[in-house]
Amino acid sequence: MAGRHGMFVRITAAASLLLLTAGCSILNPAPVAAPADPYANLRPTTAAVGVTMPALSDFQHPWDVPTYIMRVTLFAGLPPMNGGVAFVGDSITDYGRWSEAYPNLRVRNFGIAGDTTVGLEHRLIQVIDAKPATIFLMIGTNDVEFGRSPEQIAANIGDILDRLVAGLPNAKVYLESLMPRQPEFDAKVRAVNALLQKVAAKRGLTYIDLYTPFLAGGNRLDPRVTVDDLHPAGEGYARWRALIKDDVYPRALASGG
């Protein structure tokens, strides 16, 4: 047994030396390439439904890429709304149960978790082609975390609004502010919101302040409405609905729901 143990030690030492000379170690092994996907040419793509995929560098997390593809291809299979209310944005919009919140209205949730202003610009044609009568837009908090400047975020949102107004001249577009989130992002969120007020005013659009009603001491999202300091929980969505209900109903009902 002792001889076999000694042989194992010598083999292990030799293997470790070989790995070290190759710039690796037992604790830091060489990266292993993921196996090629044999079904790659069969997978759904955004290009197949007329949406140009953003560059991979425009996604904050690797898992945001399949989420984007899944949601964009889902939207492509839905019939036009021809009226009603569209909620457009990132995960904060995506996680809301908007159709259940307004069961007597025609509602569609165009939120995609992890999305940014760049991602929305790429898929905005899907919102325009759906022809909603009312649009509530909130986008940009992921850009804040991603590292885009407030000026660039506001410029991107301005471009999005211009395209919505041009593509849907009879629609009512509401620009919602960013909500508060973790305190370390507060200064940047405030800066973005200050610019967004000007973006909306320049275009004659209604700006909805969702920052102030959700702000708590310490410059953060009210802990009573969130479990992660970023996304609203049940009470958060109830508060949000109460803040916009007077804007949702009259226009939607006038357009036939």
C-alpha atoms as a PDB file:
ATOM      1  CA  MET A   1       0.000   0.000   0.000  1.00  0.00           C
ATOM      2  CA  ALA A   2       2.853   2.340   0.898  1.00  0.00           C
ATOM      3  CA  GLY A   3       4.433   1.740  -2.512  1.00  0.00           C
ATOM      4  CA  ARG A   4       1.219   2.501  -4.334  1.00  0.00           C
ATOM      5  CA  HIS A   5       0.752   5.675  -2.274  1.00  0.00           C
ATOM      6  CA  GLY A   6       4.256   6.806  -3.140  1.00  0.00           C
ATOM      7  CA  MET A   7       3.569   6.197  -6.833  1.00  0.00           C
ATOM      8  CA  PHE A   8       0.345   8.261  -6.582  1.00  0.00           C
ATOM      9  CA  VAL A   9       2.245  11.143  -4.980  1.00  0.00           C
ATOM     10  CA  ARG A  10       4.885  11.062  -7.729  1.00  0.00           C
ATOM     11  CA  ILE A  11       2.247  10.994 -10.490  1.00  0.00           C
ATOM     12  CA  THR A  12       0.270  13.822  -8.878  1.00  0.00           C
ATOM     13  CA  ALA A  13       3.381  15.944  -8.468  1.00  0.00           C
ATOM     14  CA  ALA A  14       4.316  15.370 -12.093  1.00  0.00           C
ATOM     15  CA  ALA A  15       0.817  16.277 -13.264  1.00  0.00           C
ATOM     16  CA  SER A  16       0.842  19.442 -11.162  1.00  0.00           C
ATOM     17  CA  LEU A  17       4.209  20.456 -12.594  1.00  0.00           C
ATOM     18  CA  LEU A  18       2.903  19.947 -16.102  1.00  0.00           C
ATOM     19  CA  LEU A  19      -0.143  22.112 -15.370  1.00  0.00           C
ATOM     20  CA  LEU A  20       1.987  24.817 -13.771  1.00  0.00           C
ATOM     21  CA  THR A  21       4.310  24.966 -16.750  1.00  0.00           C
ATOM     22  CA  ALA A  22       1.238  25.461 -18.907  1.00  0.00           C
ATOM     23  CA  GLY A  23       0.153  28.437 -16.777  1.00  0.00           C
ATOM     24  CA  CYS A  24      -2.423  26.432 -14.836  1.00  0.00           C
ATOM     25  CA  SER A  25      -2.727  24.787 -11.462  1.00  0.00           C
ATOM     26  CA  ILE A  26      -5.008  22.374  -9.657  1.00  0.00           C
ATOM     27  CA  LEU A  27      -6.759  25.380  -8.086  1.00  0.00           C
ATOM     28  CA  ASN A  28      -6.758  27.377 -11.324  1.00  0.00           C
ATOM     29  CA  PRO A  29      -7.381  24.885 -14.122  1.00  0.00           C
ATOM     30  CA  ALA A  30      -7.285  25.785 -17.771  1.00  0.00           C
ATOM     31  CA  PRO A  31     -10.639  27.022 -19.042  1.00  0.00           C
ATOM     32  CA  VAL A  32     -12.625  24.373 -20.816  1.00  0.00           C
ATOM     33  CA  ALA A  33     -14.488  25.484 -23.919  1.00  0.00           C
ATOM     34  CA  ALA A  34     -18.211  24.805 -23.873  1.00  0.00           C
ATOM     35  CA  PRO A  35     -19.162  22.036 -26.270  1.00  0.00           C
ATOM     36  CA  ALA A  36     -20.625  23.164 -29.552  1.00  0.00           C
ATOM     37  CA  ASP A  37     -24.406  23.182 -29.622  1.00  0.00           C
ATOM     38  CA  PRO A  38     -25.446  20.567 -32.204  1.00  0.00           C
ATOM     39  CA  TYR A  39     -28.821  22.316 -32.552  1.00  0.00           C
ATOM     40  CA  ALA A  40     -27.473  25.868 -32.980  1.00  0.00           C
ATOM     41  CA  ASN A  41     -28.924  26.239 -36.463  1.00  0.00           C
ATOM     42  CA  LEU A  42     -32.371  25.239 -35.174  1.00  0.00           C
ATOM     43  CA  ARG A  43     -32.551  27.610 -32.187  1.00  0.00           C
ATOM     44  CA  PRO A  44     -34.937  30.600 -32.251  1.00  0.00           C
ATOM     45  CA  THR A  45     -33.310  33.928 -33.121  1.00  0.00           C
ATOM     46  CA  THR A  46     -34.456  37.530 -32.991  1.00  0.00           C
ATOM     47  CA  ALA A  47     -33.352  37.964 -36.608  1.00  0.00           C
ATOM     48  CA  ALA A  48     -35.943  35.398 -37.670  1.00  0.00           C
ATOM     49  CA  VAL A  49     -38.689  37.701 -36.346  1.00  0.00           C
ATOM     50  CA  GLY A  50     -37.225  40.928 -37.727  1.00  0.00           C
ATOM     51  CA  VAL A  51     -35.332  42.201 -34.693  1.00  0.00           C
ATOM     52  CA  THR A  52     -31.588  42.803 -34.874  1.00  0.00           C
ATOM     53  CA  MET A  53     -29.902  41.294 -31.833  1.00  0.00           C
ATOM     54  CA  PRO A  54     -27.894  43.791 -29.750  1.00  0.00           C
ATOM     55  CA  ALA A  55     -24.178  43.131 -29.388  1.00  0.00           C
ATOM     56  CA  LEU A  56     -23.327  40.735 -26.572  1.00  0.00           C
ATOM     57  CA  SER A  57     -21.413  43.575 -24.905  1.00  0.00           C
ATOM     58  CA  ASP A  58     -24.734  45.400 -24.519  1.00  0.00           C
ATOM     59  CA  PHE A  59     -26.017  42.749 -22.105  1.00  0.00           C
ATOM     60  CA  GLN A  60     -25.209  43.113 -18.431  1.00  0.00           C
ATOM     61  CA  HIS A  61     -25.360  39.388 -17.592  1.00  0.00           C
ATOM     62  CA  PRO A  62     -24.942  36.244 -19.724  1.00  0.00           C
ATOM     63  CA  TRP A  63     -28.421  35.025 -18.779  1.00  0.00           C
ATOM     64  CA  ASP A  64     -29.973  38.227 -20.150  1.00  0.00           C
ATOM     65  CA  VAL A  65     -29.222  37.037 -23.695  1.00  0.00           C
ATOM     66  CA  PRO A  66     -31.568  33.988 -23.783  1.00  0.00           C
ATOM     67  CA  THR A  67     -34.182  35.973 -21.865  1.00  0.00           C
ATOM     68  CA  TYR A  68     -34.118  38.660 -24.552  1.00  0.00           C
ATOM     69  CA  ILE A  69     -34.436  36.096 -27.350  1.00  0.00           C
ATOM     70  CA  MET A  70     -37.280  34.263 -25.615  1.00  0.00           C
ATOM     71  CA  ARG A  71     -39.305  37.394 -24.999  1.00  0.00           C
ATOM     72  CA  VAL A  72     -38.715  38.986 -28.419  1.00  0.00           C
ATOM     73  CA  THR A  73     -39.741  35.810 -30.208  1.00  0.00           C
ATOM     74  CA  LEU A  74     -42.795  35.544 -27.941  1.00  0.00           C
ATOM     75  CA  PHE A  75     -43.899  39.089 -28.752  1.00  0.00           C
ATOM     76  CA  ALA A  76     -43.516  38.339 -32.458  1.00  0.00           C
ATOM     77  CA  GLY A  77     -46.202  35.655 -32.277  1.00  0.00           C
ATOM     78  CA  LEU A  78     -48.868  37.845 -30.665  1.00  0.00           C
ATOM     79  CA  PRO A  79     -51.608  39.558 -32.682  1.00  0.00           C
ATOM     80  CA  PRO A  80     -51.716  43.368 -32.932  1.00  0.00           C
ATOM     81  CA  MET A  81     -53.380  45.145 -30.037  1.00  0.00           C
ATOM     82  CA  ASN A  82     -55.041  47.878 -32.117  1.00  0.00           C
ATOM     83  CA  GLY A  83     -55.702  49.890 -28.986  1.00  0.00           C
ATOM     84  CA  GLY A  84     -55.307  49.223 -25.298  1.00  0.00           C
ATOM     85  CA  VAL A  85     -52.346  49.820 -23.013  1.00  0.00           C
ATOM     86  CA  ALA A  86     -48.728  48.719 -23.465  1.00  0.00           C
ATOM     87  CA  PHE A  87     -46.295  48.660 -20.554  1.00  0.00           C
ATOM     88  CA  VAL A  88     -42.737  48.863 -21.865  1.00  0.00           C
ATOM     89  CA  GLY A  89     -39.507  48.435 -19.941  1.00  0.00           C
ATOM     90  CA  ASP A  90     -37.172  46.070 -18.115  1.00  0.00           C
ATOM     91  CA  SER A  91     -37.705  43.597 -15.248  1.00  0.00           C
ATOM     92  CA  ILE A  92     -39.512  46.164 -13.104  1.00  0.00           C
ATOM     93  CA  THR A  93     -42.180  46.280 -15.795  1.00  0.00           C
ATOM     94  CA  ASP A  94     -41.797  42.632 -16.788  1.00  0.00           C
ATOM     95  CA  TYR A  95     -42.597  41.299 -13.300  1.00  0.00           C
ATOM     96  CA  GLY A  96     -45.824  43.292 -13.037  1.00  0.00           C
ATOM     97  CA  ARG A  97     -49.090  41.400 -13.588  1.00  0.00           C
ATOM     98  CA  TRP A  98     -50.552  44.193 -15.663  1.00  0.00           C
ATOM     99  CA  SER A  99     -53.269  42.255 -17.475  1.00  0.00           C
ATOM    100  CA  GLU A 100     -54.549  40.928 -14.137  1.00  0.00           C
ATOM    101  CA  ALA A 101     -54.319  44.401 -12.627  1.00  0.00           C
ATOM    102  CA  TYR A 102     -56.551  45.776 -15.379  1.00  0.00           C
ATOM    103  CA  PRO A 103     -58.766  42.787 -16.282  1.00  0.00           C
ATOM    104  CA  ASN A 104     -61.329  44.898 -18.140  1.00  0.00           C
ATOM    105  CA  LEU A 105     -58.724  46.459 -20.444  1.00  0.00           C
ATOM    106  CA  ARG A 106     -56.652  45.244 -23.363  1.00  0.00           C
ATOM    107  CA  VAL A 107     -53.143  45.200 -21.856  1.00  0.00           C
ATOM    108  CA  ARG A 108     -49.781  43.908 -23.018  1.00  0.00           C
ATOM    109  CA  ASN A 109     -46.551  43.682 -21.042  1.00  0.00           C
ATOM    110  CA  PHE A 110     -43.521  44.502 -23.201  1.00  0.00           C
ATOM    111  CA  GLY A 111     -41.095  44.307 -20.293  1.00  0.00           C
ATOM    112  CA  ILE A 112     -37.965  42.181 -20.585  1.00  0.00           C
ATOM    113  CA  ALA A 113     -35.902  41.401 -17.508  1.00  0.00           C
ATOM    114  CA  GLY A 114     -32.370  42.718 -17.846  1.00  0.00           C
ATOM    115  CA  ASP A 115     -33.186  45.023 -20.745  1.00  0.00           C
ATOM    116  CA  THR A 116     -31.527  48.379 -21.316  1.00  0.00           C
ATOM    117  CA  THR A 117     -32.231  51.408 -23.468  1.00  0.00           C
ATOM    118  CA  VAL A 118     -30.078  49.834 -26.186  1.00  0.00           C
ATOM    119  CA  GLY A 119     -31.981  46.556 -26.087  1.00  0.00           C
ATOM    120  CA  LEU A 120     -35.297  48.380 -26.253  1.00  0.00           C
ATOM    121  CA  GLU A 121     -34.165  50.441 -29.235  1.00  0.00           C
ATOM    122  CA  HIS A 122     -33.480  47.205 -31.108  1.00  0.00           C
ATOM    123  CA  ARG A 123     -36.947  45.744 -30.430  1.00  0.00           C
ATOM    124  CA  LEU A 124     -39.057  48.894 -30.415  1.00  0.00           C
ATOM    125  CA  ILE A 125     -40.650  48.043 -33.757  1.00  0.00           C
ATOM    126  CA  GLN A 126     -42.582  45.311 -31.960  1.00  0.00           C
ATOM    127  CA  VAL A 127     -44.291  47.899 -29.749  1.00  0.00           C
ATOM    128  CA  ILE A 128     -45.055  50.119 -32.735  1.00  0.00           C
ATOM    129  CA  ASP A 129     -46.414  47.234 -34.816  1.00  0.00           C
ATOM    130  CA  ALA A 130     -48.744  46.231 -31.955  1.00  0.00           C
ATOM    131  CA  LYS A 131     -50.485  49.637 -32.279  1.00  0.00           C
ATOM    132  CA  PRO A 132     -51.400  50.317 -28.640  1.00  0.00           C
ATOM    133  CA  ALA A 133     -53.380  53.461 -27.841  1.00  0.00           C
ATOM    134  CA  THR A 134     -51.478  54.165 -24.621  1.00  0.00           C
ATOM    135  CA  ILE A 135     -47.857  53.463 -23.697  1.00  0.00           C
ATOM    136  CA  PHE A 136     -46.202  53.596 -20.283  1.00  0.00           C
ATOM    137  CA  LEU A 137     -42.431  53.606 -20.676  1.00  0.00           C
ATOM    138  CA  MET A 138     -39.900  52.998 -17.915  1.00  0.00           C
ATOM    139  CA  ILE A 139     -36.378  52.020 -18.916  1.00  0.00           C
ATOM    140  CA  GLY A 140     -32.841  52.854 -17.810  1.00  0.00           C
ATOM    141  CA  THR A 141     -32.152  51.419 -14.362  1.00  0.00           C
ATOM    142  CA  ASN A 142     -30.023  48.624 -15.858  1.00  0.00           C
ATOM    143  CA  ASP A 143     -28.133  51.242 -17.874  1.00  0.00           C
ATOM    144  CA  VAL A 144     -27.377  53.000 -14.590  1.00  0.00           C
ATOM    145  CA  GLU A 145     -25.829  49.839 -13.196  1.00  0.00           C
ATOM    146  CA  PHE A 146     -24.222  48.980 -16.539  1.00  0.00           C
ATOM    147  CA  GLY A 147     -22.204  52.201 -16.415  1.00  0.00           C
ATOM    148  CA  ARG A 148     -23.822  54.404 -19.057  1.00  0.00           C
ATOM    149  CA  SER A 149     -23.817  58.089 -18.266  1.00  0.00           C
ATOM    150  CA  PRO A 150     -27.058  59.891 -17.386  1.00  0.00           C
ATOM    151  CA  GLU A 151     -26.658  61.927 -20.569  1.00  0.00           C
ATOM    152  CA  GLN A 152     -26.393  58.833 -22.758  1.00  0.00           C
ATOM    153  CA  ILE A 153     -29.331  57.162 -21.023  1.00  0.00           C
ATOM    154  CA  ALA A 154     -31.492  60.247 -21.520  1.00  0.00           C
ATOM    155  CA  ALA A 155     -30.412  60.559 -25.163  1.00  0.00           C
ATOM    156  CA  ASN A 156     -31.328  56.925 -25.831  1.00  0.00           C
ATOM    157  CA  ILE A 157     -34.730  57.397 -24.201  1.00  0.00           C
ATOM    158  CA  GLY A 158     -35.253  60.542 -26.263  1.00  0.00           C
ATOM    159  CA  ASP A 159     -34.616  58.508 -29.428  1.00  0.00           C
ATOM    160  CA  ILE A 160     -37.071  55.840 -28.223  1.00  0.00           C
ATOM    161  CA  LEU A 161     -39.755  58.463 -27.601  1.00  0.00           C
ATOM    162  CA  ASP A 162     -39.197  60.066 -31.002  1.00  0.00           C
ATOM    163  CA  ARG A 163     -39.674  56.719 -32.709  1.00  0.00           C
ATOM    164  CA  LEU A 164     -42.812  55.948 -30.702  1.00  0.00           C
ATOM    165  CA  VAL A 165     -44.352  59.322 -31.522  1.00  0.00           C
ATOM    166  CA  ALA A 166     -43.464  58.997 -35.202  1.00  0.00           C
ATOM    167  CA  GLY A 167     -44.682  55.418 -35.460  1.00  0.00           C
ATOM    168  CA  LEU A 168     -47.797  55.890 -33.323  1.00  0.00           C
ATOM    169  CA  PRO A 169     -48.842  59.527 -33.808  1.00  0.00           C
ATOM    170  CA  ASN A 170     -52.263  58.979 -32.239  1.00  0.00           C
ATOM    171  CA  ALA A 171     -51.004  57.135 -29.160  1.00  0.00           C
ATOM    172  CA  LYS A 172     -50.642  58.710 -25.732  1.00  0.00           C
ATOM    173  CA  VAL A 173     -47.113  58.136 -24.442  1.00  0.00           C
ATOM    174  CA  TYR A 174     -46.231  58.480 -20.758  1.00  0.00           C
ATOM    175  CA  LEU A 175     -42.611  58.615 -19.653  1.00  0.00           C
ATOM    176  CA  GLU A 176     -42.150  57.223 -16.156  1.00  0.00           C
ATOM    177  CA  SER A 177     -39.152  58.156 -14.059  1.00  0.00           C
ATOM    178  CA  LEU A 178     -36.715  55.618 -12.712  1.00  0.00           C
ATOM    179  CA  MET A 179     -37.635  54.337  -9.275  1.00  0.00           C
ATOM    180  CA  PRO A 180     -35.220  54.567  -6.362  1.00  0.00           C
ATOM    181  CA  ARG A 181     -33.003  51.552  -5.815  1.00  0.00           C
ATOM    182  CA  GLN A 182     -29.903  50.792  -3.712  1.00  0.00           C
ATOM    183  CA  PRO A 183     -28.371  53.948  -2.163  1.00  0.00           C
ATOM    184  CA  GLU A 184     -25.096  53.633  -4.085  1.00  0.00           C
ATOM    185  CA  PHE A 185     -26.989  54.327  -7.332  1.00  0.00           C
ATOM    186  CA  ASP A 186     -29.141  57.164  -6.004  1.00  0.00           C
ATOM    187  CA  ALA A 187     -27.117  60.120  -7.298  1.00  0.00           C
ATOM    188  CA  LYS A 188     -27.099  58.698 -10.801  1.00  0.00           C
ATOM    189  CA  VAL A 189     -30.800  57.825 -10.701  1.00  0.00           C
ATOM    190  CA  ARG A 190     -31.574  61.397  -9.658  1.00  0.00           C
ATOM    191  CA  ALA A 191     -29.422  62.750 -12.481  1.00  0.00           C
ATOM    192  CA  VAL A 192     -31.187  60.562 -15.045  1.00  0.00           C
ATOM    193  CA  ASN A 193     -34.618  61.589 -13.780  1.00  0.00           C
ATOM    194  CA  ALA A 194     -33.742  65.283 -13.936  1.00  0.00           C
ATOM    195  CA  LEU A 195     -32.808  64.839 -17.586  1.00  0.00           C
ATOM    196  CA  LEU A 196     -35.901  62.747 -18.338  1.00  0.00           C
ATOM    197  CA  GLN A 197     -38.182  65.542 -17.151  1.00  0.00           C
ATOM    198  CA  LYS A 198     -36.596  67.757 -19.795  1.00  0.00           C
ATOM    199  CA  VAL A 199     -36.793  65.006 -22.419  1.00  0.00           C
ATOM    200  CA  ALA A 200     -40.544  64.663 -21.835  1.00  0.00           C
ATOM    201  CA  ALA A 201     -41.189  68.411 -21.675  1.00  0.00           C
ATOM    202  CA  LYS A 202     -39.311  69.004 -24.946  1.00  0.00           C
ATOM    203  CA  ARG A 203     -41.663  66.575 -26.698  1.00  0.00           C
ATOM    204  CA  GLY A 204     -44.842  67.661 -24.948  1.00  0.00           C
ATOM    205  CA  LEU A 205     -45.210  64.280 -23.244  1.00  0.00           C
ATOM    206  CA  THR A 206     -46.445  63.521 -19.743  1.00  0.00           C
ATOM    207  CA  TYR A 207     -43.731  62.699 -17.222  1.00  0.00           C
ATOM    208  CA  ILE A 208     -44.773  60.558 -14.259  1.00  0.00           C
ATOM    209  CA  ASP A 209     -42.666  60.829 -11.122  1.00  0.00           C
ATOM    210  CA  LEU A 210     -42.322  57.357  -9.618  1.00  0.00           C
ATOM    211  CA  TYR A 211     -39.158  58.287  -7.744  1.00  0.00           C
ATOM    212  CA  THR A 212     -40.586  60.484  -4.993  1.00  0.00           C
ATOM    213  CA  PRO A 213     -43.528  58.222  -4.002  1.00  0.00           C
ATOM    214  CA  PHE A 214     -41.172  55.251  -3.608  1.00  0.00           C
ATOM    215  CA  LEU A 215     -38.294  57.025  -1.867  1.00  0.00           C
ATOM    216  CA  ALA A 216     -37.410  56.125   1.721  1.00  0.00           C
ATOM    217  CA  GLY A 217     -34.902  57.528   4.171  1.00  0.00           C
ATOM    218  CA  GLY A 218     -31.333  56.771   3.184  1.00  0.00           C
ATOM    219  CA  ASN A 219     -32.021  57.525  -0.483  1.00  0.00           C
ATOM    220  CA  ARG A 220     -33.282  54.055  -1.244  1.00  0.00           C
ATOM    221  CA  LEU A 221     -36.337  52.191  -2.491  1.00  0.00           C
ATOM    222  CA  ASP A 222     -38.864  51.974   0.337  1.00  0.00           C
ATOM    223  CA  PRO A 223     -38.048  48.694   2.161  1.00  0.00           C
ATOM    224  CA  ARG A 224     -41.760  48.134   2.749  1.00  0.00           C
ATOM    225  CA  VAL A 225     -42.280  47.429  -0.959  1.00  0.00           C
ATOM    226  CA  THR A 226     -39.181  45.444  -1.947  1.00  0.00           C
ATOM    227  CA  VAL A 227     -37.247  42.351  -0.949  1.00  0.00           C
ATOM    228  CA  ASP A 228     -34.091  43.134  -2.948  1.00  0.00           C
ATOM    229  CA  ASP A 229     -33.897  46.971  -2.904  1.00  0.00           C
ATOM    230  CA  LEU A 230     -34.555  47.070  -6.657  1.00  0.00           C
ATOM    231  CA  HIS A 231     -37.783  45.323  -7.676  1.00  0.00           C
ATOM    232  CA  PRO A 232     -41.198  46.149  -6.226  1.00  0.00           C
ATOM    233  CA  ALA A 233     -43.072  43.403  -4.413  1.00  0.00           C
ATOM    234  CA  GLY A 234     -46.852  43.198  -4.096  1.00  0.00           C
ATOM    235  CA  GLU A 235     -47.374  46.435  -2.202  1.00  0.00           C
ATOM    236  CA  GLY A 236     -44.991  48.185  -4.589  1.00  0.00           C
ATOM    237  CA  TYR A 237     -47.029  47.269  -7.650  1.00  0.00           C
ATOM    238  CA  ALA A 238     -50.234  48.232  -5.851  1.00  0.00           C
ATOM    239  CA  ARG A 239     -48.739  51.653  -5.119  1.00  0.00           C
ATOM    240  CA  TRP A 240     -47.612  51.985  -8.728  1.00  0.00           C
ATOM    241  CA  ARG A 241     -51.078  51.109 -10.047  1.00  0.00           C
ATOM    242  CA  ALA A 242     -52.668  53.674  -7.756  1.00  0.00           C
ATOM    243  CA  LEU A 243     -50.326  56.373  -9.063  1.00  0.00           C
ATOM    244  CA  ILE A 244     -51.125  55.791 -12.740  1.00  0.00           C
ATOM    245  CA  LYS A 245     -54.746  54.581 -12.682  1.00  0.00           C
ATOM    246  CA  ASP A 246     -56.169  57.966 -13.687  1.00  0.00           C
ATOM    247  CA  ASP A 247     -53.937  57.908 -16.762  1.00  0.00           C
ATOM    248  CA  VAL A 248     -54.602  54.264 -17.653  1.00  0.00           C
ATOM    249  CA  TYR A 249     -58.388  54.142 -17.671  1.00  0.00           C
ATOM    250  CA  PRO A 250     -59.798  57.157 -19.553  1.00  0.00           C
ATOM    251  CA  ARG A 251     -57.628  56.751 -22.644  1.00  0.00           C
ATOM    252  CA  ALA A 252     -57.885  52.970 -22.731  1.00  0.00           C
ATOM    253  CA  LEU A 253     -61.653  52.941 -22.389  1.00  0.00           C
ATOM    254  CA  ALA A 254     -62.039  55.634 -25.020  1.00  0.00           C
ATOM    255  CA  SER A 255     -60.057  53.493 -27.460  1.00  0.00           C
ATOM    256  CA  GLY A 256     -62.242  50.488 -26.835  1.00  0.00           C
ATOM    257  CA  GLY A 257     -60.114  48.873 -24.115  1.00  0.00           C
END
